[in-house]
Amino acid sequence: MNFVSLIGRIRGYVNETTRLIEVARPEMSDDIENLLIPCKYWTKDAHCLLTKIKEGTMLIIRGRIDKDDKVGIFIIVEQITVVK
């Protein structure tokens, strides 16, 4: 079983159901850009909660890694906490 925990900010869209989360890299170098990780979150009624969160909002995300042909590797979000 895989488990992922991320802290980052909401950025652009990959498609109508997938958002990018910008996560700071752990390296100490200042010239390395942050990671943009695609994330999906679905409820049982196929409603995407990530589309309602404003860009730039800081989040804590917990979920698991998955893969598909269109997006590649992405995170299936199981829990979202908005950091104020």
PDB file of N, CA and C in Angstrom:
ATOM      1  N   MET A   1       0.847  -1.178   0.000  1.00  0.00           N
ATOM      2  CA  MET A   1       0.000   0.000   0.000  1.00  0.00           C
ATOM      3  C   MET A   1       0.891   1.239   0.000  1.00  0.00           C
ATOM      4  N   ASN A   2       0.531   2.237  -0.807  1.00  0.00           N
ATOM      5  CA  ASN A   2       1.298   3.473  -0.810  1.00  0.00           C
ATOM      6  C   ASN A   2       0.504   4.575  -0.124  1.00  0.00           C
ATOM      7  N   PHE A   3       1.229   5.530   0.433  1.00  0.00           N
ATOM      8  CA  PHE A   3       0.621   6.640   1.164  1.00  0.00           C
ATOM      9  C   PHE A   3       1.450   7.880   0.912  1.00  0.00           C
ATOM     10  N   VAL A   4       0.789   9.004   0.632  1.00  0.00           N
ATOM     11  CA  VAL A   4       1.468  10.262   0.342  1.00  0.00           C
ATOM     12  C   VAL A   4       0.870  11.352   1.218  1.00  0.00           C
ATOM     13  N   SER A   5       1.740  12.211   1.719  1.00  0.00           N
ATOM     14  CA  SER A   5       1.310  13.388   2.459  1.00  0.00           C
ATOM     15  C   SER A   5       2.062  14.582   1.883  1.00  0.00           C
ATOM     16  N   LEU A   6       1.320  15.604   1.425  1.00  0.00           N
ATOM     17  CA  LEU A   6       1.913  16.777   0.784  1.00  0.00           C
ATOM     18  C   LEU A   6       1.415  18.047   1.446  1.00  0.00           C
ATOM     19  N   ILE A   7       2.289  19.052   1.501  1.00  0.00           N
ATOM     20  CA  ILE A   7       1.895  20.399   1.894  1.00  0.00           C
ATOM     21  C   ILE A   7       2.277  21.302   0.732  1.00  0.00           C
ATOM     22  N   GLY A   8       1.299  22.016   0.195  1.00  0.00           N
ATOM     23  CA  GLY A   8       1.590  22.867  -0.951  1.00  0.00           C
ATOM     24  C   GLY A   8       0.441  23.803  -1.265  1.00  0.00           C
ATOM     25  N   ARG A   9       0.592  24.504  -2.379  1.00  0.00           N
ATOM     26  CA  ARG A   9      -0.420  25.472  -2.825  1.00  0.00           C
ATOM     27  C   ARG A   9      -1.077  25.009  -4.119  1.00  0.00           C
ATOM     28  N   ILE A  10      -2.379  25.293  -4.240  1.00  0.00           N
ATOM     29  CA  ILE A  10      -3.117  24.998  -5.464  1.00  0.00           C
ATOM     30  C   ILE A  10      -2.584  25.885  -6.579  1.00  0.00           C
ATOM     31  N   ARG A  11      -2.324  25.293  -7.730  1.00  0.00           N
ATOM     32  CA  ARG A  11      -1.905  26.036  -8.919  1.00  0.00           C
ATOM     33  C   ARG A  11      -2.878  25.727 -10.049  1.00  0.00           C
ATOM     34  N   GLY A  12      -2.447  25.650 -11.271  1.00  0.00           N
ATOM     35  CA  GLY A  12      -3.339  25.506 -12.421  1.00  0.00           C
ATOM     36  C   GLY A  12      -4.028  24.165 -12.520  1.00  0.00           C
ATOM     37  N   TYR A  13      -4.718  23.993 -13.655  1.00  0.00           N
ATOM     38  CA  TYR A  13      -5.458  22.775 -13.956  1.00  0.00           C
ATOM     39  C   TYR A  13      -4.684  21.921 -14.957  1.00  0.00           C
ATOM     40  N   VAL A  14      -4.773  20.602 -14.823  1.00  0.00           N
ATOM     41  CA  VAL A  14      -4.310  19.680 -15.854  1.00  0.00           C
ATOM     42  C   VAL A  14      -5.472  19.416 -16.803  1.00  0.00           C
ATOM     43  N   ASN A  15      -6.651  19.156 -16.236  1.00  0.00           N
ATOM     44  CA  ASN A  15      -7.910  19.010 -16.969  1.00  0.00           C
ATOM     45  C   ASN A  15      -9.044  19.358 -16.011  1.00  0.00           C
ATOM     46  N   GLU A  16     -10.285  19.089 -16.373  1.00  0.00           N
ATOM     47  CA  GLU A  16     -11.433  19.511 -15.547  1.00  0.00           C
ATOM     48  C   GLU A  16     -11.512  18.807 -14.195  1.00  0.00           C
ATOM     49  N   THR A  17     -10.790  17.711 -13.995  1.00  0.00           N
ATOM     50  CA  THR A  17     -10.853  16.974 -12.733  1.00  0.00           C
ATOM     51  C   THR A  17      -9.525  16.912 -11.987  1.00  0.00           C
ATOM     52  N   THR A  18      -8.470  17.453 -12.560  1.00  0.00           N
ATOM     53  CA  THR A  18      -7.138  17.324 -11.971  1.00  0.00           C
ATOM     54  C   THR A  18      -6.505  18.700 -11.791  1.00  0.00           C
ATOM     55  N   ARG A  19      -6.068  18.992 -10.565  1.00  0.00           N
ATOM     56  CA  ARG A  19      -5.393  20.254 -10.245  1.00  0.00           C
ATOM     57  C   ARG A  19      -3.922  19.997  -9.979  1.00  0.00           C
ATOM     58  N   LEU A  20      -3.128  21.026 -10.149  1.00  0.00           N
ATOM     59  CA  LEU A  20      -1.708  20.943  -9.822  1.00  0.00           C
ATOM     60  C   LEU A  20      -1.484  21.511  -8.426  1.00  0.00           C
ATOM     61  N   ILE A  21      -0.705  20.799  -7.621  1.00  0.00           N
ATOM     62  CA  ILE A  21      -0.304  21.255  -6.309  1.00  0.00           C
ATOM     63  C   ILE A  21       1.185  21.563  -6.365  1.00  0.00           C
ATOM     64  N   GLU A  22       1.547  22.798  -6.011  1.00  0.00           N
ATOM     65  CA  GLU A  22       2.954  23.202  -6.006  1.00  0.00           C
ATOM     66  C   GLU A  22       3.554  22.881  -4.644  1.00  0.00           C
ATOM     67  N   VAL A  23       4.588  22.028  -4.662  1.00  0.00           N
ATOM     68  CA  VAL A  23       5.212  21.555  -3.438  1.00  0.00           C
ATOM     69  C   VAL A  23       6.684  21.956  -3.460  1.00  0.00           C
ATOM     70  N   ALA A  24       7.178  22.516  -2.355  1.00  0.00           N
ATOM     71  CA  ALA A  24       8.583  22.899  -2.265  1.00  0.00           C
ATOM     72  C   ALA A  24       9.455  21.647  -2.241  1.00  0.00           C
ATOM     73  N   ARG A  25      10.566  21.696  -2.976  1.00  0.00           N
ATOM     74  CA  ARG A  25      11.509  20.580  -3.003  1.00  0.00           C
ATOM     75  C   ARG A  25      12.370  20.613  -1.745  1.00  0.00           C
ATOM     76  N   PRO A  26      12.767  19.462  -1.251  1.00  0.00           N
ATOM     77  CA  PRO A  26      13.548  19.422  -0.011  1.00  0.00           C
ATOM     78  C   PRO A  26      15.011  19.825  -0.165  1.00  0.00           C
ATOM     79  N   GLU A  27      15.499  19.971  -1.411  1.00  0.00           N
ATOM     80  CA  GLU A  27      16.892  20.332  -1.611  1.00  0.00           C
ATOM     81  C   GLU A  27      17.164  21.740  -1.087  1.00  0.00           C
ATOM     82  N   MET A  28      18.381  22.017  -0.761  1.00  0.00           N
ATOM     83  CA  MET A  28      18.762  23.298  -0.198  1.00  0.00           C
ATOM     84  C   MET A  28      19.058  24.360  -1.263  1.00  0.00           C
ATOM     85  N   SER A  29      19.195  23.983  -2.529  1.00  0.00           N
ATOM     86  CA  SER A  29      19.577  24.912  -3.579  1.00  0.00           C
ATOM     87  C   SER A  29      18.443  25.886  -3.895  1.00  0.00           C
ATOM     88  N   ASP A  30      18.791  27.162  -4.081  1.00  0.00           N
ATOM     89  CA  ASP A  30      17.796  28.196  -4.379  1.00  0.00           C
ATOM     90  C   ASP A  30      17.364  28.216  -5.836  1.00  0.00           C
ATOM     91  N   ASP A  31      18.153  27.625  -6.734  1.00  0.00           N
ATOM     92  CA  ASP A  31      17.853  27.709  -8.158  1.00  0.00           C
ATOM     93  C   ASP A  31      16.970  26.573  -8.672  1.00  0.00           C
ATOM     94  N   ILE A  32      16.522  25.687  -7.794  1.00  0.00           N
ATOM     95  CA  ILE A  32      15.667  24.573  -8.199  1.00  0.00           C
ATOM     96  C   ILE A  32      14.206  24.973  -8.016  1.00  0.00           C
ATOM     97  N   GLU A  33      13.407  24.772  -9.049  1.00  0.00           N
ATOM     98  CA  GLU A  33      11.988  25.127  -8.987  1.00  0.00           C
ATOM     99  C   GLU A  33      11.211  24.127  -8.128  1.00  0.00           C
ATOM    100  N   ASN A  34      10.051  24.554  -7.673  1.00  0.00           N
ATOM    101  CA  ASN A  34       9.167  23.678  -6.909  1.00  0.00           C
ATOM    102  C   ASN A  34       8.561  22.620  -7.819  1.00  0.00           C
ATOM    103  N   LEU A  35       8.074  21.530  -7.223  1.00  0.00           N
ATOM    104  CA  LEU A  35       7.404  20.467  -7.976  1.00  0.00           C
ATOM    105  C   LEU A  35       5.945  20.821  -8.181  1.00  0.00           C
ATOM    106  N   LEU A  36       5.407  20.509  -9.358  1.00  0.00           N
ATOM    107  CA  LEU A  36       3.975  20.626  -9.629  1.00  0.00           C
ATOM    108  C   LEU A  36       3.437  19.216  -9.767  1.00  0.00           C
ATOM    109  N   ILE A  37       2.619  18.801  -8.812  1.00  0.00           N
ATOM    110  CA  ILE A  37       2.132  17.427  -8.748  1.00  0.00           C
ATOM    111  C   ILE A  37       0.644  17.399  -9.071  1.00  0.00           C
ATOM    112  N   PRO A  38       0.221  16.602 -10.088  1.00  0.00           N
ATOM    113  CA  PRO A  38      -1.204  16.491 -10.406  1.00  0.00           C
ATOM    114  C   PRO A  38      -1.948  15.715  -9.313  1.00  0.00           C
ATOM    115  N   CYS A  39      -3.122  16.226  -8.935  1.00  0.00           N
ATOM    116  CA  CYS A  39      -3.931  15.607  -7.881  1.00  0.00           C
ATOM    117  C   CYS A  39      -5.390  15.550  -8.299  1.00  0.00           C
ATOM    118  N   LYS A  40      -6.051  14.424  -7.971  1.00  0.00           N
ATOM    119  CA  LYS A  40      -7.489  14.248  -8.222  1.00  0.00           C
ATOM    120  C   LYS A  40      -8.181  13.930  -6.908  1.00  0.00           C
ATOM    121  N   TYR A  41      -9.389  14.484  -6.735  1.00  0.00           N
ATOM    122  CA  TYR A  41     -10.204  14.180  -5.557  1.00  0.00           C
ATOM    123  C   TYR A  41     -11.647  14.019  -6.008  1.00  0.00           C
ATOM    124  N   TRP A  42     -12.225  12.879  -5.740  1.00  0.00           N
ATOM    125  CA  TRP A  42     -13.598  12.599  -6.172  1.00  0.00           C
ATOM    126  C   TRP A  42     -14.435  12.140  -4.994  1.00  0.00           C
ATOM    127  N   THR A  43     -15.689  12.580  -4.974  1.00  0.00           N
ATOM    128  CA  THR A  43     -16.654  12.041  -4.023  1.00  0.00           C
ATOM    129  C   THR A  43     -17.455  10.951  -4.731  1.00  0.00           C
ATOM    130  N   LYS A  44     -18.308  10.294  -4.009  1.00  0.00           N
ATOM    131  CA  LYS A  44     -19.102   9.206  -4.601  1.00  0.00           C
ATOM    132  C   LYS A  44     -20.032   9.690  -5.713  1.00  0.00           C
ATOM    133  N   ASP A  45     -20.427  10.953  -5.665  1.00  0.00           N
ATOM    134  CA  ASP A  45     -21.313  11.474  -6.713  1.00  0.00           C
ATOM    135  C   ASP A  45     -20.517  12.134  -7.853  1.00  0.00           C
ATOM    136  N   ALA A  46     -19.236  11.787  -7.985  1.00  0.00           N
ATOM    137  CA  ALA A  46     -18.355  12.258  -9.066  1.00  0.00           C
ATOM    138  C   ALA A  46     -18.183  13.777  -9.047  1.00  0.00           C
ATOM    139  N   HIS A  47     -18.176  14.361  -7.858  1.00  0.00           N
ATOM    140  CA  HIS A  47     -17.986  15.803  -7.707  1.00  0.00           C
ATOM    141  C   HIS A  47     -16.541  16.065  -7.300  1.00  0.00           C
ATOM    142  N   CYS A  48     -15.872  16.958  -7.989  1.00  0.00           N
ATOM    143  CA  CYS A  48     -14.456  17.231  -7.739  1.00  0.00           C
ATOM    144  C   CYS A  48     -14.307  18.432  -6.803  1.00  0.00           C
ATOM    145  N   LEU A  49     -13.919  18.191  -5.570  1.00  0.00           N
ATOM    146  CA  LEU A  49     -13.760  19.247  -4.581  1.00  0.00           C
ATOM    147  C   LEU A  49     -12.604  20.188  -4.922  1.00  0.00           C
ATOM    148  N   LEU A  50     -11.561  19.683  -5.533  1.00  0.00           N
ATOM    149  CA  LEU A  50     -10.402  20.519  -5.835  1.00  0.00           C
ATOM    150  C   LEU A  50     -10.715  21.670  -6.784  1.00  0.00           C
ATOM    151  N   THR A  51     -11.753  21.544  -7.599  1.00  0.00           N
ATOM    152  CA  THR A  51     -12.095  22.619  -8.531  1.00  0.00           C
ATOM    153  C   THR A  51     -12.699  23.821  -7.812  1.00  0.00           C
ATOM    154  N   LYS A  52     -13.171  23.668  -6.583  1.00  0.00           N
ATOM    155  CA  LYS A  52     -13.791  24.761  -5.841  1.00  0.00           C
ATOM    156  C   LYS A  52     -12.790  25.557  -5.010  1.00  0.00           C
ATOM    157  N   ILE A  53     -11.557  25.071  -4.867  1.00  0.00           N
ATOM    158  CA  ILE A  53     -10.562  25.748  -4.046  1.00  0.00           C
ATOM    159  C   ILE A  53      -9.805  26.750  -4.905  1.00  0.00           C
ATOM    160  N   LYS A  54      -9.645  27.981  -4.397  1.00  0.00           N
ATOM    161  CA  LYS A  54      -8.994  29.061  -5.146  1.00  0.00           C
ATOM    162  C   LYS A  54      -7.504  28.802  -5.318  1.00  0.00           C
ATOM    163  N   GLU A  55      -6.975  29.260  -6.454  1.00  0.00           N
ATOM    164  CA  GLU A  55      -5.547  29.137  -6.726  1.00  0.00           C
ATOM    165  C   GLU A  55      -4.750  29.918  -5.681  1.00  0.00           C
ATOM    166  N   GLY A  56      -3.650  29.330  -5.219  1.00  0.00           N
ATOM    167  CA  GLY A  56      -2.802  29.943  -4.209  1.00  0.00           C
ATOM    168  C   GLY A  56      -3.112  29.503  -2.793  1.00  0.00           C
ATOM    169  N   THR A  57      -4.224  28.785  -2.597  1.00  0.00           N
ATOM    170  CA  THR A  57      -4.608  28.312  -1.271  1.00  0.00           C
ATOM    171  C   THR A  57      -3.637  27.229  -0.804  1.00  0.00           C
ATOM    172  N   MET A  58      -3.163  27.348   0.454  1.00  0.00           N
ATOM    173  CA  MET A  58      -2.260  26.361   1.040  1.00  0.00           C
ATOM    174  C   MET A  58      -3.081  25.176   1.554  1.00  0.00           C
ATOM    175  N   LEU A  59      -2.639  23.961   1.201  1.00  0.00           N
ATOM    176  CA  LEU A  59      -3.345  22.732   1.570  1.00  0.00           C
ATOM    177  C   LEU A  59      -2.404  21.706   2.172  1.00  0.00           C
ATOM    178  N   ILE A  60      -2.973  20.835   2.974  1.00  0.00           N
ATOM    179  CA  ILE A  60      -2.313  19.593   3.362  1.00  0.00           C
ATOM    180  C   ILE A  60      -3.139  18.489   2.717  1.00  0.00           C
ATOM    181  N   ILE A  61      -2.476  17.639   1.942  1.00  0.00           N
ATOM    182  CA  ILE A  61      -3.168  16.585   1.205  1.00  0.00           C
ATOM    183  C   ILE A  61      -2.624  15.233   1.635  1.00  0.00           C
ATOM    184  N   ARG A  62      -3.536  14.300   1.850  1.00  0.00           N
ATOM    185  CA  ARG A  62      -3.157  12.908   2.115  1.00  0.00           C
ATOM    186  C   ARG A  62      -3.856  12.040   1.095  1.00  0.00           C
ATOM    187  N   GLY A  63      -3.128  11.092   0.558  1.00  0.00           N
ATOM    188  CA  GLY A  63      -3.720  10.244  -0.473  1.00  0.00           C
ATOM    189  C   GLY A  63      -2.789   9.131  -0.892  1.00  0.00           C
ATOM    190  N   ARG A  64      -2.972   8.675  -2.137  1.00  0.00           N
ATOM    191  CA  ARG A  64      -2.163   7.567  -2.650  1.00  0.00           C
ATOM    192  C   ARG A  64      -1.770   7.841  -4.092  1.00  0.00           C
ATOM    193  N   ILE A  65      -0.720   7.186  -4.531  1.00  0.00           N
ATOM    194  CA  ILE A  65      -0.195   7.367  -5.877  1.00  0.00           C
ATOM    195  C   ILE A  65      -0.940   6.460  -6.844  1.00  0.00           C
ATOM    196  N   ASP A  66      -1.250   6.991  -8.025  1.00  0.00           N
ATOM    197  CA  ASP A  66      -1.882   6.207  -9.090  1.00  0.00           C
ATOM    198  C   ASP A  66      -1.289   6.667 -10.423  1.00  0.00           C
ATOM    199  N   LYS A  67      -1.691   5.996 -11.490  1.00  0.00           N
ATOM    200  CA  LYS A  67      -1.157   6.309 -12.810  1.00  0.00           C
ATOM    201  C   LYS A  67      -2.231   6.087 -13.851  1.00  0.00           C
ATOM    202  N   ASP A  68      -2.284   6.981 -14.864  1.00  0.00           N
ATOM    203  CA  ASP A  68      -3.128   6.738 -16.024  1.00  0.00           C
ATOM    204  C   ASP A  68      -2.391   7.199 -17.275  1.00  0.00           C
ATOM    205  N   ASP A  69      -2.914   6.854 -18.440  1.00  0.00           N
ATOM    206  CA  ASP A  69      -2.231   7.123 -19.700  1.00  0.00           C
ATOM    207  C   ASP A  69      -2.203   8.604 -20.068  1.00  0.00           C
ATOM    208  N   LYS A  70      -3.233   9.363 -19.689  1.00  0.00           N
ATOM    209  CA  LYS A  70      -3.312  10.771 -20.075  1.00  0.00           C
ATOM    210  C   LYS A  70      -2.476  11.678 -19.178  1.00  0.00           C
ATOM    211  N   VAL A  71      -2.566  11.497 -17.867  1.00  0.00           N
ATOM    212  CA  VAL A  71      -1.911  12.382 -16.904  1.00  0.00           C
ATOM    213  C   VAL A  71      -0.536  11.851 -16.490  1.00  0.00           C
ATOM    214  N   GLY A  72      -0.365  10.553 -16.493  1.00  0.00           N
ATOM    215  CA  GLY A  72       0.855   9.940 -15.970  1.00  0.00           C
ATOM    216  C   GLY A  72       0.649   9.627 -14.496  1.00  0.00           C
ATOM    217  N   ILE A  73       1.671   9.850 -13.695  1.00  0.00           N
ATOM    218  CA  ILE A  73       1.569   9.600 -12.255  1.00  0.00           C
ATOM    219  C   ILE A  73       0.890  10.797 -11.597  1.00  0.00           C
ATOM    220  N   PHE A  74      -0.073  10.515 -10.712  1.00  0.00           N
ATOM    221  CA  PHE A  74      -0.794  11.563  -9.990  1.00  0.00           C
ATOM    222  C   PHE A  74      -1.168  11.066  -8.611  1.00  0.00           C
ATOM    223  N   ILE A  75      -1.688  11.955  -7.785  1.00  0.00           N
ATOM    224  CA  ILE A  75      -2.121  11.624  -6.427  1.00  0.00           C
ATOM    225  C   ILE A  75      -3.643  11.571  -6.397  1.00  0.00           C
ATOM    226  N   ILE A  76      -4.181  10.472  -5.884  1.00  0.00           N
ATOM    227  CA  ILE A  76      -5.618  10.392  -5.590  1.00  0.00           C
ATOM    228  C   ILE A  76      -5.776  10.890  -4.150  1.00  0.00           C
ATOM    229  N   VAL A  77      -6.413  12.030  -4.010  1.00  0.00           N
ATOM    230  CA  VAL A  77      -6.537  12.686  -2.712  1.00  0.00           C
ATOM    231  C   VAL A  77      -7.651  12.024  -1.905  1.00  0.00           C
ATOM    232  N   GLU A  78      -7.330  11.639  -0.689  1.00  0.00           N
ATOM    233  CA  GLU A  78      -8.318  11.041   0.218  1.00  0.00           C
ATOM    234  C   GLU A  78      -8.745  11.995   1.323  1.00  0.00           C
ATOM    235  N   GLN A  79      -7.866  12.968   1.636  1.00  0.00           N
ATOM    236  CA  GLN A  79      -8.179  13.952   2.681  1.00  0.00           C
ATOM    237  C   GLN A  79      -7.536  15.283   2.320  1.00  0.00           C
ATOM    238  N   ILE A  80      -8.311  16.359   2.460  1.00  0.00           N
ATOM    239  CA  ILE A  80      -7.809  17.714   2.205  1.00  0.00           C
ATOM    240  C   ILE A  80      -8.025  18.560   3.470  1.00  0.00           C
ATOM    241  N   THR A  81      -6.973  19.261   3.880  1.00  0.00           N
ATOM    242  CA  THR A  81      -7.077  20.219   4.969  1.00  0.00           C
ATOM    243  C   THR A  81      -6.587  21.564   4.441  1.00  0.00           C
ATOM    244  N   VAL A  82      -7.436  22.583   4.506  1.00  0.00           N
ATOM    245  CA  VAL A  82      -7.057  23.926   4.063  1.00  0.00           C
ATOM    246  C   VAL A  82      -6.339  24.612   5.222  1.00  0.00           C
ATOM    247  N   VAL A  83      -5.131  25.136   4.958  1.00  0.00           N
ATOM    248  CA  VAL A  83      -4.336  25.832   5.956  1.00  0.00           C
ATOM    249  C   VAL A  83      -4.574  27.315   5.799  1.00  0.00           C
ATOM    250  N   LYS A  84      -4.959  27.983   6.866  1.00  0.00           N
ATOM    251  CA  LYS A  84      -5.256  29.424   6.803  1.00  0.00           C
ATOM    252  C   LYS A  84      -4.067  30.237   7.210  1.00  0.00           C
TER     253      LYS A  84
END
